[in-house]
Amino acid sequence: MRGTERTRRVPIIFLTAGNADRQRRFRGYEAGAVDFLHKPLEPDILR
């Protein structure tokens, strides 16, 4: 998505079932993520 002009500015929130370690978080933010949310999701926070 970040490599395509049409989608490079679309905000991305990653959803993960476990605690992402520091390296995985870094990779996610580097890929363009704006946030990480852990499962199970808090509905109010997600909204």
ModelCIF file with pLDDT and N, C-alpha, C, O atoms, coordinates in Angstrom:
data_MODEL
#
_entry.id   MODEL 
#
_entity.id                         1 
_entity.type                       polymer 
_entity.pdbx_number_of_molecules   1 
#
_entity_poly.entity_id                      1 
_entity_poly.type                           'polypeptide(L)' 
_entity_poly.nstd_linkage                   no 
_entity_poly.nstd_monomer                   no 
_entity_poly.pdbx_seq_one_letter_code       MRGTERTRRVPIIFLTAGNADRQRRFRGYEAGAVDFLHKPLEPDILR 
_entity_poly.pdbx_seq_one_letter_code_can   MRGTERTRRVPIIFLTAGNADRQRRFRGYEAGAVDFLHKPLEPDILR 
_entity_poly.pdbx_strand_id                 A 
#
loop_
_entity_poly_seq.entity_id 
_entity_poly_seq.num 
_entity_poly_seq.mon_id 
_entity_poly_seq.hetero 
1 1  MET n 
1 2  ARG n 
1 3  GLY n 
1 4  THR n 
1 5  GLU n 
1 6  ARG n 
1 7  THR n 
1 8  ARG n 
1 9  ARG n 
1 10 VAL n 
1 11 PRO n 
1 12 ILE n 
1 13 ILE n 
1 14 PHE n 
1 15 LEU n 
1 16 THR n 
1 17 ALA n 
1 18 GLY n 
1 19 ASN n 
1 20 ALA n 
1 21 ASP n 
1 22 ARG n 
1 23 GLN n 
1 24 ARG n 
1 25 ARG n 
1 26 PHE n 
1 27 ARG n 
1 28 GLY n 
1 29 TYR n 
1 30 GLU n 
1 31 ALA n 
1 32 GLY n 
1 33 ALA n 
1 34 VAL n 
1 35 ASP n 
1 36 PHE n 
1 37 LEU n 
1 38 HIS n 
1 39 LYS n 
1 40 PRO n 
1 41 LEU n 
1 42 GLU n 
1 43 PRO n 
1 44 ASP n 
1 45 ILE n 
1 46 LEU n 
1 47 ARG n 
#
_struct_asym.id          A 
_struct_asym.entity_id   1 
#
loop_
_ma_qa_metric.id 
_ma_qa_metric.mode 
_ma_qa_metric.name 
_ma_qa_metric.software_group_id 
_ma_qa_metric.type 
1 global pLDDT . pLDDT 
2 local  pLDDT . pLDDT 
#
_ma_qa_metric_global.metric_id      1 
_ma_qa_metric_global.metric_value   82.28 
_ma_qa_metric_global.model_id       1 
_ma_qa_metric_global.ordinal_id     1 
#
loop_
_ma_qa_metric_local.label_asym_id 
_ma_qa_metric_local.label_comp_id 
_ma_qa_metric_local.label_seq_id 
_ma_qa_metric_local.metric_id 
_ma_qa_metric_local.metric_value 
_ma_qa_metric_local.model_id 
_ma_qa_metric_local.ordinal_id 
A MET 1  2 90.00 1 1  
A ARG 2  2 88.00 1 2  
A GLY 3  2 86.00 1 3  
A THR 4  2 87.00 1 4  
A GLU 5  2 86.00 1 5  
A ARG 6  2 87.00 1 6  
A THR 7  2 88.00 1 7  
A ARG 8  2 85.00 1 8  
A ARG 9  2 86.00 1 9  
A VAL 10 2 90.00 1 10 
A PRO 11 2 91.00 1 11 
A ILE 12 2 92.00 1 12 
A ILE 13 2 91.00 1 13 
A PHE 14 2 89.00 1 14 
A LEU 15 2 88.00 1 15 
A THR 16 2 84.00 1 16 
A ALA 17 2 77.00 1 17 
A GLY 18 2 65.00 1 18 
A ASN 19 2 64.00 1 19 
A ALA 20 2 59.00 1 20 
A ASP 21 2 66.00 1 21 
A ARG 22 2 73.00 1 22 
A GLN 23 2 72.00 1 23 
A ARG 24 2 73.00 1 24 
A ARG 25 2 76.00 1 25 
A PHE 26 2 79.00 1 26 
A ARG 27 2 78.00 1 27 
A GLY 28 2 77.00 1 28 
A TYR 29 2 81.00 1 29 
A GLU 30 2 78.00 1 30 
A ALA 31 2 75.00 1 31 
A GLY 32 2 74.00 1 32 
A ALA 33 2 82.00 1 33 
A VAL 34 2 86.00 1 34 
A ASP 35 2 86.00 1 35 
A PHE 36 2 86.00 1 36 
A LEU 37 2 85.00 1 37 
A HIS 38 2 83.00 1 38 
A LYS 39 2 82.00 1 39 
A PRO 40 2 85.00 1 40 
A LEU 41 2 85.00 1 41 
A GLU 42 2 87.00 1 42 
A PRO 43 2 89.00 1 43 
A ASP 44 2 89.00 1 44 
A ILE 45 2 89.00 1 45 
A LEU 46 2 89.00 1 46 
A ARG 47 2 89.00 1 47 
#
loop_
_atom_site.group_PDB 
_atom_site.id 
_atom_site.type_symbol 
_atom_site.label_atom_id 
_atom_site.label_alt_id 
_atom_site.label_comp_id 
_atom_site.label_asym_id 
_atom_site.label_entity_id 
_atom_site.label_seq_id 
_atom_site.pdbx_PDB_ins_code 
_atom_site.Cartn_x 
_atom_site.Cartn_y 
_atom_site.Cartn_z 
_atom_site.occupancy 
_atom_site.B_iso_or_equiv 
_atom_site.pdbx_formal_charge 
_atom_site.auth_seq_id 
_atom_site.auth_comp_id 
_atom_site.auth_asym_id 
_atom_site.auth_atom_id 
_atom_site.pdbx_PDB_model_num 
ATOM 1   N N  . MET A 1 1  ? 0.820   -1.215  0.000  1.00 90.00 ? 1  MET A N  1 
ATOM 2   C CA . MET A 1 1  ? 0.000   0.000   0.000  1.00 90.00 ? 1  MET A CA 1 
ATOM 3   C C  . MET A 1 1  ? 0.852   1.262   0.000  1.00 90.00 ? 1  MET A C  1 
ATOM 4   O O  . MET A 1 1  ? 0.538   2.236   -0.685 1.00 90.00 ? 1  MET A O  1 
ATOM 5   N N  . ARG A 1 2  ? 1.929   1.237   0.772  1.00 88.00 ? 2  ARG A N  1 
ATOM 6   C CA . ARG A 1 2  ? 2.804   2.407   0.832  1.00 88.00 ? 2  ARG A CA 1 
ATOM 7   C C  . ARG A 1 2  ? 3.581   2.591   -0.468 1.00 88.00 ? 2  ARG A C  1 
ATOM 8   O O  . ARG A 1 2  ? 4.043   3.696   -0.754 1.00 88.00 ? 2  ARG A O  1 
ATOM 9   N N  . GLY A 1 3  ? 3.730   1.559   -1.238 1.00 86.00 ? 3  GLY A N  1 
ATOM 10  C CA . GLY A 1 3  ? 4.475   1.664   -2.501 1.00 86.00 ? 3  GLY A CA 1 
ATOM 11  C C  . GLY A 1 3  ? 3.617   2.086   -3.681 1.00 86.00 ? 3  GLY A C  1 
ATOM 12  O O  . GLY A 1 3  ? 4.118   2.261   -4.792 1.00 86.00 ? 3  GLY A O  1 
ATOM 13  N N  . THR A 1 4  ? 2.332   2.246   -3.439 1.00 87.00 ? 4  THR A N  1 
ATOM 14  C CA . THR A 1 4  ? 1.425   2.654   -4.521 1.00 87.00 ? 4  THR A CA 1 
ATOM 15  C C  . THR A 1 4  ? 0.881   4.049   -4.232 1.00 87.00 ? 4  THR A C  1 
ATOM 16  O O  . THR A 1 4  ? 0.426   4.326   -3.123 1.00 87.00 ? 4  THR A O  1 
ATOM 17  N N  . GLU A 1 5  ? 0.931   4.925   -5.235 1.00 86.00 ? 5  GLU A N  1 
ATOM 18  C CA . GLU A 1 5  ? 0.520   6.313   -5.050 1.00 86.00 ? 5  GLU A CA 1 
ATOM 19  C C  . GLU A 1 5  ? -0.931  6.410   -4.607 1.00 86.00 ? 5  GLU A C  1 
ATOM 20  O O  . GLU A 1 5  ? -1.268  7.256   -3.779 1.00 86.00 ? 5  GLU A O  1 
ATOM 21  N N  . ARG A 1 6  ? -1.784  5.567   -5.139 1.00 87.00 ? 6  ARG A N  1 
ATOM 22  C CA . ARG A 1 6  ? -3.206  5.658   -4.834 1.00 87.00 ? 6  ARG A CA 1 
ATOM 23  C C  . ARG A 1 6  ? -3.501  5.347   -3.365 1.00 87.00 ? 6  ARG A C  1 
ATOM 24  O O  . ARG A 1 6  ? -4.435  5.912   -2.797 1.00 87.00 ? 6  ARG A O  1 
ATOM 25  N N  . THR A 1 7  ? -2.716  4.451   -2.735 1.00 88.00 ? 7  THR A N  1 
ATOM 26  C CA . THR A 1 7  ? -3.040  3.965   -1.382 1.00 88.00 ? 7  THR A CA 1 
ATOM 27  C C  . THR A 1 7  ? -2.004  4.334   -0.331 1.00 88.00 ? 7  THR A C  1 
ATOM 28  O O  . THR A 1 7  ? -2.133  3.944   0.829  1.00 88.00 ? 7  THR A O  1 
ATOM 29  N N  . ARG A 1 8  ? -0.987  5.075   -0.723 1.00 85.00 ? 8  ARG A N  1 
ATOM 30  C CA . ARG A 1 8  ? 0.115   5.316   0.201  1.00 85.00 ? 8  ARG A CA 1 
ATOM 31  C C  . ARG A 1 8  ? -0.285  6.175   1.406  1.00 85.00 ? 8  ARG A C  1 
ATOM 32  O O  . ARG A 1 8  ? 0.384   6.148   2.439  1.00 85.00 ? 8  ARG A O  1 
ATOM 33  N N  . ARG A 1 9  ? -1.395  6.950   1.269  1.00 86.00 ? 9  ARG A N  1 
ATOM 34  C CA . ARG A 1 9  ? -1.803  7.816   2.375  1.00 86.00 ? 9  ARG A CA 1 
ATOM 35  C C  . ARG A 1 9  ? -2.982  7.238   3.180  1.00 86.00 ? 9  ARG A C  1 
ATOM 36  O O  . ARG A 1 9  ? -3.512  7.908   4.067  1.00 86.00 ? 9  ARG A O  1 
ATOM 37  N N  . VAL A 1 10 ? -3.386  6.016   2.877  1.00 90.00 ? 10 VAL A N  1 
ATOM 38  C CA . VAL A 1 10 ? -4.491  5.408   3.630  1.00 90.00 ? 10 VAL A CA 1 
ATOM 39  C C  . VAL A 1 10 ? -3.995  5.016   5.027  1.00 90.00 ? 10 VAL A C  1 
ATOM 40  O O  . VAL A 1 10 ? -3.049  4.235   5.122  1.00 90.00 ? 10 VAL A O  1 
ATOM 41  N N  . PRO A 1 11 ? -4.590  5.524   6.114  1.00 91.00 ? 11 PRO A N  1 
ATOM 42  C CA . PRO A 1 11 ? -4.154  5.141   7.469  1.00 91.00 ? 11 PRO A CA 1 
ATOM 43  C C  . PRO A 1 11 ? -4.447  3.647   7.738  1.00 91.00 ? 11 PRO A C  1 
ATOM 44  O O  . PRO A 1 11 ? -5.488  3.121   7.344  1.00 91.00 ? 11 PRO A O  1 
ATOM 45  N N  . ILE A 1 12 ? -3.508  2.997   8.411  1.00 92.00 ? 12 ILE A N  1 
ATOM 46  C CA . ILE A 1 12 ? -3.621  1.562   8.698  1.00 92.00 ? 12 ILE A CA 1 
ATOM 47  C C  . ILE A 1 12 ? -3.539  1.335   10.207 1.00 92.00 ? 12 ILE A C  1 
ATOM 48  O O  . ILE A 1 12 ? -2.626  1.819   10.876 1.00 92.00 ? 12 ILE A O  1 
ATOM 49  N N  . ILE A 1 13 ? -4.497  0.601   10.718 1.00 91.00 ? 13 ILE A N  1 
ATOM 50  C CA . ILE A 1 13 ? -4.440  0.141   12.116 1.00 91.00 ? 13 ILE A CA 1 
ATOM 51  C C  . ILE A 1 13 ? -4.276  -1.383  12.088 1.00 91.00 ? 13 ILE A C  1 
ATOM 52  O O  . ILE A 1 13 ? -5.118  -2.109  11.559 1.00 91.00 ? 13 ILE A O  1 
ATOM 53  N N  . PHE A 1 14 ? -3.170  -1.841  12.674 1.00 89.00 ? 14 PHE A N  1 
ATOM 54  C CA . PHE A 1 14 ? -2.929  -3.289  12.734 1.00 89.00 ? 14 PHE A CA 1 
ATOM 55  C C  . PHE A 1 14 ? -3.687  -3.900  13.909 1.00 89.00 ? 14 PHE A C  1 
ATOM 56  O O  . PHE A 1 14 ? -3.761  -3.335  15.000 1.00 89.00 ? 14 PHE A O  1 
ATOM 57  N N  . LEU A 1 15 ? -4.231  -5.051  13.643 1.00 88.00 ? 15 LEU A N  1 
ATOM 58  C CA . LEU A 1 15 ? -4.903  -5.837  14.684 1.00 88.00 ? 15 LEU A CA 1 
ATOM 59  C C  . LEU A 1 15 ? -4.066  -7.095  14.943 1.00 88.00 ? 15 LEU A C  1 
ATOM 60  O O  . LEU A 1 15 ? -3.741  -7.833  14.013 1.00 88.00 ? 15 LEU A O  1 
ATOM 61  N N  . THR A 1 16 ? -3.721  -7.332  16.207 1.00 84.00 ? 16 THR A N  1 
ATOM 62  C CA . THR A 1 16 ? -2.886  -8.499  16.541 1.00 84.00 ? 16 THR A CA 1 
ATOM 63  C C  . THR A 1 16 ? -3.461  -9.214  17.751 1.00 84.00 ? 16 THR A C  1 
ATOM 64  O O  . THR A 1 16 ? -4.010  -8.602  18.667 1.00 84.00 ? 16 THR A O  1 
ATOM 65  N N  . ALA A 1 17 ? -3.314  -10.544 17.719 1.00 77.00 ? 17 ALA A N  1 
ATOM 66  C CA . ALA A 1 17 ? -3.861  -11.378 18.810 1.00 77.00 ? 17 ALA A CA 1 
ATOM 67  C C  . ALA A 1 17 ? -2.930  -11.442 20.003 1.00 77.00 ? 17 ALA A C  1 
ATOM 68  O O  . ALA A 1 17 ? -3.360  -11.815 21.095 1.00 77.00 ? 17 ALA A O  1 
ATOM 69  N N  . GLY A 1 18 ? -1.672  -11.090 19.829 1.00 65.00 ? 18 GLY A N  1 
ATOM 70  C CA . GLY A 1 18 ? -0.715  -11.173 20.937 1.00 65.00 ? 18 GLY A CA 1 
ATOM 71  C C  . GLY A 1 18 ? 0.010   -9.861  21.110 1.00 65.00 ? 18 GLY A C  1 
ATOM 72  O O  . GLY A 1 18 ? -0.202  -8.913  20.354 1.00 65.00 ? 18 GLY A O  1 
ATOM 73  N N  . ASN A 1 19 ? 0.867   -9.813  22.108 1.00 64.00 ? 19 ASN A N  1 
ATOM 74  C CA . ASN A 1 19 ? 1.685   -8.630  22.335 1.00 64.00 ? 19 ASN A CA 1 
ATOM 75  C C  . ASN A 1 19 ? 2.777   -8.573  21.283 1.00 64.00 ? 19 ASN A C  1 
ATOM 76  O O  . ASN A 1 19 ? 3.606   -9.478  21.194 1.00 64.00 ? 19 ASN A O  1 
ATOM 77  N N  . ALA A 1 20 ? 2.782   -7.511  20.485 1.00 59.00 ? 20 ALA A N  1 
ATOM 78  C CA . ALA A 1 20 ? 3.825   -7.370  19.468 1.00 59.00 ? 20 ALA A CA 1 
ATOM 79  C C  . ALA A 1 20 ? 5.090   -6.880  20.138 1.00 59.00 ? 20 ALA A C  1 
ATOM 80  O O  . ALA A 1 20 ? 5.094   -5.909  20.895 1.00 59.00 ? 20 ALA A O  1 
ATOM 81  N N  . ASP A 1 21 ? 6.159   -7.586  19.833 1.00 66.00 ? 21 ASP A N  1 
ATOM 82  C CA . ASP A 1 21 ? 7.432   -7.153  20.422 1.00 66.00 ? 21 ASP A CA 1 
ATOM 83  C C  . ASP A 1 21 ? 7.878   -5.868  19.734 1.00 66.00 ? 21 ASP A C  1 
ATOM 84  O O  . ASP A 1 21 ? 7.270   -5.382  18.780 1.00 66.00 ? 21 ASP A O  1 
ATOM 85  N N  . ARG A 1 22 ? 8.968   -5.354  20.271 1.00 73.00 ? 22 ARG A N  1 
ATOM 86  C CA . ARG A 1 22 ? 9.455   -4.060  19.787 1.00 73.00 ? 22 ARG A CA 1 
ATOM 87  C C  . ARG A 1 22 ? 9.827   -4.098  18.313 1.00 73.00 ? 22 ARG A C  1 
ATOM 88  O O  . ARG A 1 22 ? 9.562   -3.153  17.570 1.00 73.00 ? 22 ARG A O  1 
ATOM 89  N N  . GLN A 1 23 ? 10.442  -5.199  17.897 1.00 72.00 ? 23 GLN A N  1 
ATOM 90  C CA . GLN A 1 23 ? 10.890  -5.300  16.504 1.00 72.00 ? 23 GLN A CA 1 
ATOM 91  C C  . GLN A 1 23 ? 9.681   -5.326  15.552 1.00 72.00 ? 23 GLN A C  1 
ATOM 92  O O  . GLN A 1 23 ? 9.688   -4.676  14.507 1.00 72.00 ? 23 GLN A O  1 
ATOM 93  N N  . ARG A 1 24 ? 8.642   -6.090  15.934 1.00 73.00 ? 24 ARG A N  1 
ATOM 94  C CA . ARG A 1 24 ? 7.455   -6.170  15.084 1.00 73.00 ? 24 ARG A CA 1 
ATOM 95  C C  . ARG A 1 24 ? 6.719   -4.821  15.031 1.00 73.00 ? 24 ARG A C  1 
ATOM 96  O O  . ARG A 1 24 ? 6.213   -4.421  13.983 1.00 73.00 ? 24 ARG A O  1 
ATOM 97  N N  . ARG A 1 25 ? 6.670   -4.126  16.187 1.00 76.00 ? 25 ARG A N  1 
ATOM 98  C CA . ARG A 1 25 ? 6.038   -2.808  16.180 1.00 76.00 ? 25 ARG A CA 1 
ATOM 99  C C  . ARG A 1 25 ? 6.794   -1.843  15.253 1.00 76.00 ? 25 ARG A C  1 
ATOM 100 O O  . ARG A 1 25 ? 6.208   -1.087  14.479 1.00 76.00 ? 25 ARG A O  1 
ATOM 101 N N  . PHE A 1 26 ? 8.135   -1.912  15.376 1.00 79.00 ? 26 PHE A N  1 
ATOM 102 C CA . PHE A 1 26 ? 8.946   -1.035  14.533 1.00 79.00 ? 26 PHE A CA 1 
ATOM 103 C C  . PHE A 1 26 ? 8.675   -1.311  13.052 1.00 79.00 ? 26 PHE A C  1 
ATOM 104 O O  . PHE A 1 26 ? 8.538   -0.387  12.250 1.00 79.00 ? 26 PHE A O  1 
ATOM 105 N N  . ARG A 1 27 ? 8.599   -2.608  12.706 1.00 78.00 ? 27 ARG A N  1 
ATOM 106 C CA . ARG A 1 27 ? 8.331   -2.965  11.311 1.00 78.00 ? 27 ARG A CA 1 
ATOM 107 C C  . ARG A 1 27 ? 6.948   -2.458  10.891 1.00 78.00 ? 27 ARG A C  1 
ATOM 108 O O  . ARG A 1 27 ? 6.780   -1.969  9.773  1.00 78.00 ? 27 ARG A O  1 
ATOM 109 N N  . GLY A 1 28 ? 5.970   -2.571  11.776 1.00 77.00 ? 28 GLY A N  1 
ATOM 110 C CA . GLY A 1 28 ? 4.627   -2.121  11.457 1.00 77.00 ? 28 GLY A CA 1 
ATOM 111 C C  . GLY A 1 28 ? 4.557   -0.623  11.228 1.00 77.00 ? 28 GLY A C  1 
ATOM 112 O O  . GLY A 1 28 ? 3.948   -0.154  10.266 1.00 77.00 ? 28 GLY A O  1 
ATOM 113 N N  . TYR A 1 29 ? 5.203   0.134   12.144 1.00 81.00 ? 29 TYR A N  1 
ATOM 114 C CA . TYR A 1 29 ? 5.182   1.590   11.952 1.00 81.00 ? 29 TYR A CA 1 
ATOM 115 C C  . TYR A 1 29 ? 5.971   1.999   10.705 1.00 81.00 ? 29 TYR A C  1 
ATOM 116 O O  . TYR A 1 29 ? 5.617   2.938   9.992  1.00 81.00 ? 29 TYR A O  1 
ATOM 117 N N  . GLU A 1 30 ? 7.056   1.252   10.474 1.00 78.00 ? 30 GLU A N  1 
ATOM 118 C CA . GLU A 1 30 ? 7.852   1.537   9.279  1.00 78.00 ? 30 GLU A CA 1 
ATOM 119 C C  . GLU A 1 30 ? 7.032   1.289   8.014  1.00 78.00 ? 30 GLU A C  1 
ATOM 120 O O  . GLU A 1 30 ? 7.203   1.983   7.012  1.00 78.00 ? 30 GLU A O  1 
ATOM 121 N N  . ALA A 1 31 ? 6.142   0.298   8.065  1.00 75.00 ? 31 ALA A N  1 
ATOM 122 C CA . ALA A 1 31 ? 5.293   -0.019  6.923  1.00 75.00 ? 31 ALA A CA 1 
ATOM 123 C C  . ALA A 1 31 ? 4.153   0.982   6.760  1.00 75.00 ? 31 ALA A C  1 
ATOM 124 O O  . ALA A 1 31 ? 3.462   0.964   5.742  1.00 75.00 ? 31 ALA A O  1 
ATOM 125 N N  . GLY A 1 32 ? 3.948   1.839   7.732  1.00 74.00 ? 32 GLY A N  1 
ATOM 126 C CA . GLY A 1 32 ? 2.935   2.877   7.600  1.00 74.00 ? 32 GLY A CA 1 
ATOM 127 C C  . GLY A 1 32 ? 1.802   2.798   8.575  1.00 74.00 ? 32 GLY A C  1 
ATOM 128 O O  . GLY A 1 32 ? 0.822   3.527   8.423  1.00 74.00 ? 32 GLY A O  1 
ATOM 129 N N  . ALA A 1 33 ? 1.884   1.947   9.570  1.00 82.00 ? 33 ALA A N  1 
ATOM 130 C CA . ALA A 1 33 ? 0.795   1.836   10.527 1.00 82.00 ? 33 ALA A CA 1 
ATOM 131 C C  . ALA A 1 33 ? 0.693   3.092   11.376 1.00 82.00 ? 33 ALA A C  1 
ATOM 132 O O  . ALA A 1 33 ? 1.694   3.739   11.683 1.00 82.00 ? 33 ALA A O  1 
ATOM 133 N N  . VAL A 1 34 ? -0.555  3.429   11.752 1.00 86.00 ? 34 VAL A N  1 
ATOM 134 C CA . VAL A 1 34 ? -0.767  4.554   12.652 1.00 86.00 ? 34 VAL A CA 1 
ATOM 135 C C  . VAL A 1 34 ? -1.041  4.067   14.072 1.00 86.00 ? 34 VAL A C  1 
ATOM 136 O O  . VAL A 1 34 ? -0.985  4.847   15.023 1.00 86.00 ? 34 VAL A O  1 
ATOM 137 N N  . ASP A 1 35 ? -1.343  2.750   14.214 1.00 86.00 ? 35 ASP A N  1 
ATOM 138 C CA . ASP A 1 35 ? -1.646  2.243   15.560 1.00 86.00 ? 35 ASP A CA 1 
ATOM 139 C C  . ASP A 1 35 ? -1.679  0.716   15.530 1.00 86.00 ? 35 ASP A C  1 
ATOM 140 O O  . ASP A 1 35 ? -1.823  0.096   14.476 1.00 86.00 ? 35 ASP A O  1 
ATOM 141 N N  . PHE A 1 36 ? -1.538  0.122   16.737 1.00 86.00 ? 36 PHE A N  1 
ATOM 142 C CA . PHE A 1 36 ? -1.705  -1.311  16.958 1.00 86.00 ? 36 PHE A CA 1 
ATOM 143 C C  . PHE A 1 36 ? -2.829  -1.493  17.964 1.00 86.00 ? 36 PHE A C  1 
ATOM 144 O O  . PHE A 1 36 ? -2.840  -0.837  19.005 1.00 86.00 ? 36 PHE A O  1 
ATOM 145 N N  . LEU A 1 37 ? -3.779  -2.380  17.663 1.00 85.00 ? 37 LEU A N  1 
ATOM 146 C CA . LEU A 1 37 ? -4.824  -2.748  18.614 1.00 85.00 ? 37 LEU A CA 1 
ATOM 147 C C  . LEU A 1 37 ? -4.757  -4.255  18.865 1.00 85.00 ? 37 LEU A C  1 
ATOM 148 O O  . LEU A 1 37 ? -4.593  -5.061  17.948 1.00 85.00 ? 37 LEU A O  1 
ATOM 149 N N  . HIS A 1 38 ? -4.889  -4.590  20.122 1.00 83.00 ? 38 HIS A N  1 
ATOM 150 C CA . HIS A 1 38 ? -4.760  -6.005  20.496 1.00 83.00 ? 38 HIS A CA 1 
ATOM 151 C C  . HIS A 1 38 ? -6.127  -6.651  20.632 1.00 83.00 ? 38 HIS A C  1 
ATOM 152 O O  . HIS A 1 38 ? -7.075  -6.050  21.137 1.00 83.00 ? 38 HIS A O  1 
ATOM 153 N N  . LYS A 1 39 ? -6.202  -7.870  20.175 1.00 82.00 ? 39 LYS A N  1 
ATOM 154 C CA . LYS A 1 39 ? -7.400  -8.696  20.350 1.00 82.00 ? 39 LYS A CA 1 
ATOM 155 C C  . LYS A 1 39 ? -7.366  -9.343  21.738 1.00 82.00 ? 39 LYS A C  1 
ATOM 156 O O  . LYS A 1 39 ? -6.287  -9.674  22.227 1.00 82.00 ? 39 LYS A O  1 
ATOM 157 N N  . PRO A 1 40 ? -8.507  -9.527  22.372 1.00 85.00 ? 40 PRO A N  1 
ATOM 158 C CA . PRO A 1 40 ? -9.830  -9.053  21.935 1.00 85.00 ? 40 PRO A CA 1 
ATOM 159 C C  . PRO A 1 40 ? -9.919  -7.533  22.003 1.00 85.00 ? 40 PRO A C  1 
ATOM 160 O O  . PRO A 1 40 ? -9.339  -6.903  22.887 1.00 85.00 ? 40 PRO A O  1 
ATOM 161 N N  . LEU A 1 41 ? -10.650 -6.959  21.063 1.00 85.00 ? 41 LEU A N  1 
ATOM 162 C CA . LEU A 1 41 ? -10.716 -5.507  20.912 1.00 85.00 ? 41 LEU A CA 1 
ATOM 163 C C  . LEU A 1 41 ? -11.711 -4.886  21.874 1.00 85.00 ? 41 LEU A C  1 
ATOM 164 O O  . LEU A 1 41 ? -12.756 -5.464  22.172 1.00 85.00 ? 41 LEU A O  1 
ATOM 165 N N  . GLU A 1 42 ? -11.366 -3.688  22.359 1.00 87.00 ? 42 GLU A N  1 
ATOM 166 C CA . GLU A 1 42 ? -12.280 -2.893  23.164 1.00 87.00 ? 42 GLU A CA 1 
ATOM 167 C C  . GLU A 1 42 ? -13.163 -2.086  22.193 1.00 87.00 ? 42 GLU A C  1 
ATOM 168 O O  . GLU A 1 42 ? -12.652 -1.204  21.503 1.00 87.00 ? 42 GLU A O  1 
ATOM 169 N N  . PRO A 1 43 ? -14.491 -2.370  22.125 1.00 89.00 ? 43 PRO A N  1 
ATOM 170 C CA . PRO A 1 43 ? -15.346 -1.701  21.139 1.00 89.00 ? 43 PRO A CA 1 
ATOM 171 C C  . PRO A 1 43 ? -15.274 -0.180  21.194 1.00 89.00 ? 43 PRO A C  1 
ATOM 172 O O  . PRO A 1 43 ? -15.178 0.472   20.154 1.00 89.00 ? 43 PRO A O  1 
ATOM 173 N N  . ASP A 1 44 ? -15.319 0.387   22.385 1.00 89.00 ? 44 ASP A N  1 
ATOM 174 C CA . ASP A 1 44 ? -15.304 1.859   22.483 1.00 89.00 ? 44 ASP A CA 1 
ATOM 175 C C  . ASP A 1 44 ? -14.000 2.447   21.971 1.00 89.00 ? 44 ASP A C  1 
ATOM 176 O O  . ASP A 1 44 ? -13.990 3.468   21.283 1.00 89.00 ? 44 ASP A O  1 
ATOM 177 N N  . ILE A 1 45 ? -12.895 1.784   22.317 1.00 89.00 ? 45 ILE A N  1 
ATOM 178 C CA . ILE A 1 45 ? -11.584 2.266   21.838 1.00 89.00 ? 45 ILE A CA 1 
ATOM 179 C C  . ILE A 1 45 ? -11.513 2.177   20.329 1.00 89.00 ? 45 ILE A C  1 
ATOM 180 O O  . ILE A 1 45 ? -11.047 3.101   19.662 1.00 89.00 ? 45 ILE A O  1 
ATOM 181 N N  . LEU A 1 46 ? -11.984 1.043   19.786 1.00 89.00 ? 46 LEU A N  1 
ATOM 182 C CA . LEU A 1 46 ? -11.954 0.867   18.317 1.00 89.00 ? 46 LEU A CA 1 
ATOM 183 C C  . LEU A 1 46 ? -12.788 1.956   17.629 1.00 89.00 ? 46 LEU A C  1 
ATOM 184 O O  . LEU A 1 46 ? -12.357 2.558   16.646 1.00 89.00 ? 46 LEU A O  1 
ATOM 185 N N  . ARG A 1 47 ? -13.999 2.196   18.172 1.00 89.00 ? 47 ARG A N  1 
ATOM 186 C CA . ARG A 1 47 ? -14.870 3.195   17.541 1.00 89.00 ? 47 ARG A CA 1 
ATOM 187 C C  . ARG A 1 47 ? -14.261 4.591   17.617 1.00 89.00 ? 47 ARG A C  1 
ATOM 188 O O  . ARG A 1 47 ? -14.860 5.553   17.135 1.00 89.00 ? 47 ARG A O  1 
#
